[in-house]
Each structure stands twice: as C-alpha cells, then as structure tokens.
Amino acid sequence: MAHPNDAPEWAVAHAPADATQATISKAAAALTTHYVTSITCTLEGSANSTGITFQLRDSTTGAGNVLWTGKLNNLINESATLVLGGLNIKGVKGQALTLETTGAPAATSSATVAMTGYSLSEAV
C-alpha cells in the first residue's frame, strides 16, 4: 500500500501468556498522526470462551476514544482469527494508538493482537 510522502510502514504485535490481556501501542509522538492499515486479532485455547472484545483506541490502554471494535469467540481446542487489511484508520495527532482486549481470556486461553500502519509528521 502506498502512503502519502512514501511514509514507511510500522508493525507492532503482542502475544502474551494464557489468561493475560493482550495490548500493544504505537507510541505517541509530537506533531505526528498514526494511521492503522491492518488489524489482526486471535483467540485460542483449551477453554470455551464466551467472547473477548478487541478495541483500537486513540490513546493508551483503557483510555481514549474507541476507533474500532470487534469480538471473537472460540470453542474448546479451537482458534478464531480476525484479519482486516486495506484500512486507513486515522488516530489523533500527538496521541498513541492502542489495540487491546478489554479483559483477559480464560485460564487456558490466549489472545494476540497485531497492527500495521504508517505515521505522518505535520507542521505546527
């Protein structure tokens, strides 16, 4: 995907241990706006999950506006994955972007999050 001003693409991911909230951020930078071009969320494990909600926020973990949300369920010993590409979700200038689960999955289940994007620096 071509980005304005040939901005380089970045990628961040988090695959924590079972029963741990998955969260990853693209850190805030002064006068810089982050854009998300893809989101990947996975839920898997040996426990039956009633569902985990994933959110993209325009700030740090648990704060800021929700820019996107999705939910995954999994059956025992199964995995569920959501992959979205071709996105161009704009964050807020000077703010972090965070992709996270709203809670931790069951004791024998795990969630992962990943996102790619680009960042543009803007004049004052």
C-alpha atoms as a PDB file:
ATOM      1  CA  MET A   1       0.000   0.000   0.000  1.00  0.00           C
ATOM      2  CA  ALA A   2       1.440   3.395  -0.981  1.00  0.00           C
ATOM      3  CA  HIS A   3       1.356   6.005   1.739  1.00  0.00           C
ATOM      4  CA  PRO A   4       1.488   9.797   1.438  1.00  0.00           C
ATOM      5  CA  ASN A   5       5.025  11.111   1.188  1.00  0.00           C
ATOM      6  CA  ASP A   6       6.241   7.499   0.976  1.00  0.00           C
ATOM      7  CA  ALA A   7       5.875   7.180   4.758  1.00  0.00           C
ATOM      8  CA  PRO A   8       7.481   3.929   5.972  1.00  0.00           C
ATOM      9  CA  GLU A   9       5.191   1.267   7.392  1.00  0.00           C
ATOM     10  CA  TRP A  10       5.482   0.087  11.012  1.00  0.00           C
ATOM     11  CA  ALA A  11       4.229  -3.086  12.693  1.00  0.00           C
ATOM     12  CA  VAL A  12       3.594  -3.944  16.354  1.00  0.00           C
ATOM     13  CA  ALA A  13       2.307  -7.155  17.971  1.00  0.00           C
ATOM     14  CA  HIS A  14       1.701  -8.766  21.353  1.00  0.00           C
ATOM     15  CA  ALA A  15       1.276 -12.474  22.110  1.00  0.00           C
ATOM     16  CA  PRO A  16       1.114 -12.779  25.915  1.00  0.00           C
ATOM     17  CA  ALA A  17       0.806 -15.884  28.076  1.00  0.00           C
ATOM     18  CA  ASP A  18      -2.558 -17.567  28.715  1.00  0.00           C
ATOM     19  CA  ALA A  19      -5.110 -15.617  30.775  1.00  0.00           C
ATOM     20  CA  THR A  20      -3.358 -12.298  30.090  1.00  0.00           C
ATOM     21  CA  GLN A  21      -4.782  -9.186  28.448  1.00  0.00           C
ATOM     22  CA  ALA A  22      -3.296  -8.586  25.001  1.00  0.00           C
ATOM     23  CA  THR A  23      -2.339  -4.956  24.381  1.00  0.00           C
ATOM     24  CA  ILE A  24       0.034  -3.175  22.028  1.00  0.00           C
ATOM     25  CA  SER A  25       0.586   0.516  21.313  1.00  0.00           C
ATOM     26  CA  LYS A  26       2.235   2.681  18.715  1.00  0.00           C
ATOM     27  CA  ALA A  27       3.732   5.321  20.974  1.00  0.00           C
ATOM     28  CA  ALA A  28       2.676   8.951  20.817  1.00  0.00           C
ATOM     29  CA  ALA A  29       4.983  11.376  19.031  1.00  0.00           C
ATOM     30  CA  ALA A  30       4.655  15.160  18.995  1.00  0.00           C
ATOM     31  CA  LEU A  31       3.016  16.559  15.823  1.00  0.00           C
ATOM     32  CA  THR A  32       2.628  13.034  14.423  1.00  0.00           C
ATOM     33  CA  THR A  33      -0.558  11.249  13.366  1.00  0.00           C
ATOM     34  CA  HIS A  34      -0.626   7.446  13.225  1.00  0.00           C
ATOM     35  CA  TYR A  35      -2.752   5.571  10.661  1.00  0.00           C
ATOM     36  CA  VAL A  36      -3.673   1.873  11.033  1.00  0.00           C
ATOM     37  CA  THR A  37      -3.673  -0.119   7.780  1.00  0.00           C
ATOM     38  CA  SER A  38      -4.283  -3.631   9.154  1.00  0.00           C
ATOM     39  CA  ILE A  39      -5.518  -5.327  12.323  1.00  0.00           C
ATOM     40  CA  THR A  40      -5.111  -8.983  13.345  1.00  0.00           C
ATOM     41  CA  CYS A  41      -6.760 -10.471  16.460  1.00  0.00           C
ATOM     42  CA  THR A  42      -6.664 -14.103  17.591  1.00  0.00           C
ATOM     43  CA  LEU A  43      -8.328 -16.046  20.414  1.00  0.00           C
ATOM     44  CA  GLU A  44      -7.392 -19.675  21.080  1.00  0.00           C
ATOM     45  CA  GLY A  45      -7.147 -22.246  23.819  1.00  0.00           C
ATOM     46  CA  SER A  46      -8.491 -25.353  25.506  1.00  0.00           C
ATOM     47  CA  ALA A  47     -11.287 -23.487  27.312  1.00  0.00           C
ATOM     48  CA  ASN A  48     -14.576 -22.482  25.758  1.00  0.00           C
ATOM     49  CA  SER A  49     -14.648 -18.690  25.625  1.00  0.00           C
ATOM     50  CA  THR A  50     -17.840 -16.649  25.785  1.00  0.00           C
ATOM     51  CA  GLY A  51     -16.028 -13.997  23.802  1.00  0.00           C
ATOM     52  CA  ILE A  52     -13.317 -11.415  24.023  1.00  0.00           C
ATOM     53  CA  THR A  53     -13.754  -7.868  22.749  1.00  0.00           C
ATOM     54  CA  PHE A  54     -10.884  -6.217  20.886  1.00  0.00           C
ATOM     55  CA  GLN A  55     -10.629  -2.421  20.633  1.00  0.00           C
ATOM     56  CA  LEU A  56      -8.485   0.087  18.771  1.00  0.00           C
ATOM     57  CA  ARG A  57      -8.171   3.268  20.828  1.00  0.00           C
ATOM     58  CA  ASP A  58      -6.729   6.683  20.048  1.00  0.00           C
ATOM     59  CA  SER A  59      -4.738   6.721  23.295  1.00  0.00           C
ATOM     60  CA  THR A  60      -3.112   4.329  25.753  1.00  0.00           C
ATOM     61  CA  THR A  61      -4.559   1.129  27.253  1.00  0.00           C
ATOM     62  CA  GLY A  62      -8.092   1.597  28.580  1.00  0.00           C
ATOM     63  CA  ALA A  63      -8.241   5.291  27.670  1.00  0.00           C
ATOM     64  CA  GLY A  64      -9.296   7.449  24.741  1.00  0.00           C
ATOM     65  CA  ASN A  65     -11.942   7.064  22.090  1.00  0.00           C
ATOM     66  CA  VAL A  66     -12.685   3.668  20.558  1.00  0.00           C
ATOM     67  CA  LEU A  67     -11.941   3.855  16.816  1.00  0.00           C
ATOM     68  CA  TRP A  68     -12.783   0.218  16.042  1.00  0.00           C
ATOM     69  CA  THR A  69     -14.148  -2.770  17.949  1.00  0.00           C
ATOM     70  CA  GLY A  70     -14.636  -6.462  17.229  1.00  0.00           C
ATOM     71  CA  LYS A  71     -15.430  -9.634  19.187  1.00  0.00           C
ATOM     72  CA  LEU A  72     -14.195 -13.212  18.845  1.00  0.00           C
ATOM     73  CA  ASN A  73     -15.494 -16.456  20.386  1.00  0.00           C
ATOM     74  CA  ASN A  74     -13.736 -19.813  20.355  1.00  0.00           C
ATOM     75  CA  LEU A  75     -14.743 -23.395  21.082  1.00  0.00           C
ATOM     76  CA  ILE A  76     -12.692 -25.864  23.123  1.00  0.00           C
ATOM     77  CA  ASN A  77      -9.347 -26.562  21.398  1.00  0.00           C
ATOM     78  CA  GLU A  78     -10.198 -24.219  18.533  1.00  0.00           C
ATOM     79  CA  SER A  79      -8.907 -20.832  17.468  1.00  0.00           C
ATOM     80  CA  ALA A  80     -10.633 -17.813  15.963  1.00  0.00           C
ATOM     81  CA  THR A  81      -8.824 -15.140  13.967  1.00  0.00           C
ATOM     82  CA  LEU A  82      -9.934 -11.805  12.567  1.00  0.00           C
ATOM     83  CA  VAL A  83      -7.743 -10.193   9.884  1.00  0.00           C
ATOM     84  CA  LEU A  84      -8.619  -6.802   8.414  1.00  0.00           C
ATOM     85  CA  GLY A  85      -6.476  -5.222   5.706  1.00  0.00           C
ATOM     86  CA  GLY A  86      -6.777  -2.225   3.420  1.00  0.00           C
ATOM     87  CA  LEU A  87      -7.665   0.040   6.342  1.00  0.00           C
ATOM     88  CA  ASN A  88      -6.763   3.690   6.789  1.00  0.00           C
ATOM     89  CA  ILE A  89      -7.937   4.451  10.343  1.00  0.00           C
ATOM     90  CA  LYS A  90      -6.642   7.846  11.435  1.00  0.00           C
ATOM     91  CA  GLY A  91      -5.547   8.434  15.001  1.00  0.00           C
ATOM     92  CA  VAL A  92      -5.363  11.761  16.812  1.00  0.00           C
ATOM     93  CA  LYS A  93      -2.298  13.951  16.235  1.00  0.00           C
ATOM     94  CA  GLY A  94       0.151  13.590  19.118  1.00  0.00           C
ATOM     95  CA  GLN A  95      -1.633  10.549  20.616  1.00  0.00           C
ATOM     96  CA  ALA A  96      -0.724   6.875  20.852  1.00  0.00           C
ATOM     97  CA  LEU A  97      -2.792   4.207  19.109  1.00  0.00           C
ATOM     98  CA  THR A  98      -3.548   1.058  21.132  1.00  0.00           C
ATOM     99  CA  LEU A  99      -5.028  -2.287  20.057  1.00  0.00           C
ATOM    100  CA  GLU A 100      -6.135  -4.347  23.055  1.00  0.00           C
ATOM    101  CA  THR A 101      -8.511  -6.878  24.530  1.00  0.00           C
ATOM    102  CA  THR A 102     -10.943  -5.408  27.049  1.00  0.00           C
ATOM    103  CA  GLY A 103     -10.060  -8.168  29.501  1.00  0.00           C
ATOM    104  CA  ALA A 104      -8.074 -11.354  29.899  1.00  0.00           C
ATOM    105  CA  PRO A 105      -9.245 -14.616  28.305  1.00  0.00           C
ATOM    106  CA  ALA A 106      -9.965 -17.793  30.321  1.00  0.00           C
ATOM    107  CA  ALA A 107      -7.169 -19.506  32.266  1.00  0.00           C
ATOM    108  CA  THR A 108      -6.219 -21.887  29.430  1.00  0.00           C
ATOM    109  CA  SER A 109      -6.857 -19.490  26.543  1.00  0.00           C
ATOM    110  CA  SER A 110      -4.794 -16.749  24.959  1.00  0.00           C
ATOM    111  CA  ALA A 111      -5.407 -13.689  22.809  1.00  0.00           C
ATOM    112  CA  THR A 112      -2.991 -11.959  20.444  1.00  0.00           C
ATOM    113  CA  VAL A 113      -3.123  -8.555  18.763  1.00  0.00           C
ATOM    114  CA  ALA A 114      -1.154  -7.025  15.906  1.00  0.00           C
ATOM    115  CA  MET A 115      -1.451  -3.929  13.757  1.00  0.00           C
ATOM    116  CA  THR A 116       0.424  -2.247  10.954  1.00  0.00           C
ATOM    117  CA  GLY A 117       0.309   1.309   9.781  1.00  0.00           C
ATOM    118  CA  TYR A 118       2.226   4.444   8.939  1.00  0.00           C
ATOM    119  CA  SER A 119       2.811   7.801  10.613  1.00  0.00           C
ATOM    120  CA  LEU A 120       2.869  11.324   9.222  1.00  0.00           C
ATOM    121  CA  SER A 121       4.571  14.261  10.892  1.00  0.00           C
ATOM    122  CA  GLU A 122       2.748  17.543  10.471  1.00  0.00           C
ATOM    123  CA  ALA A 123       3.994  21.090  10.669  1.00  0.00           C
ATOM    124  CA  VAL A 124       2.990  23.241  13.626  1.00  0.00           C
END
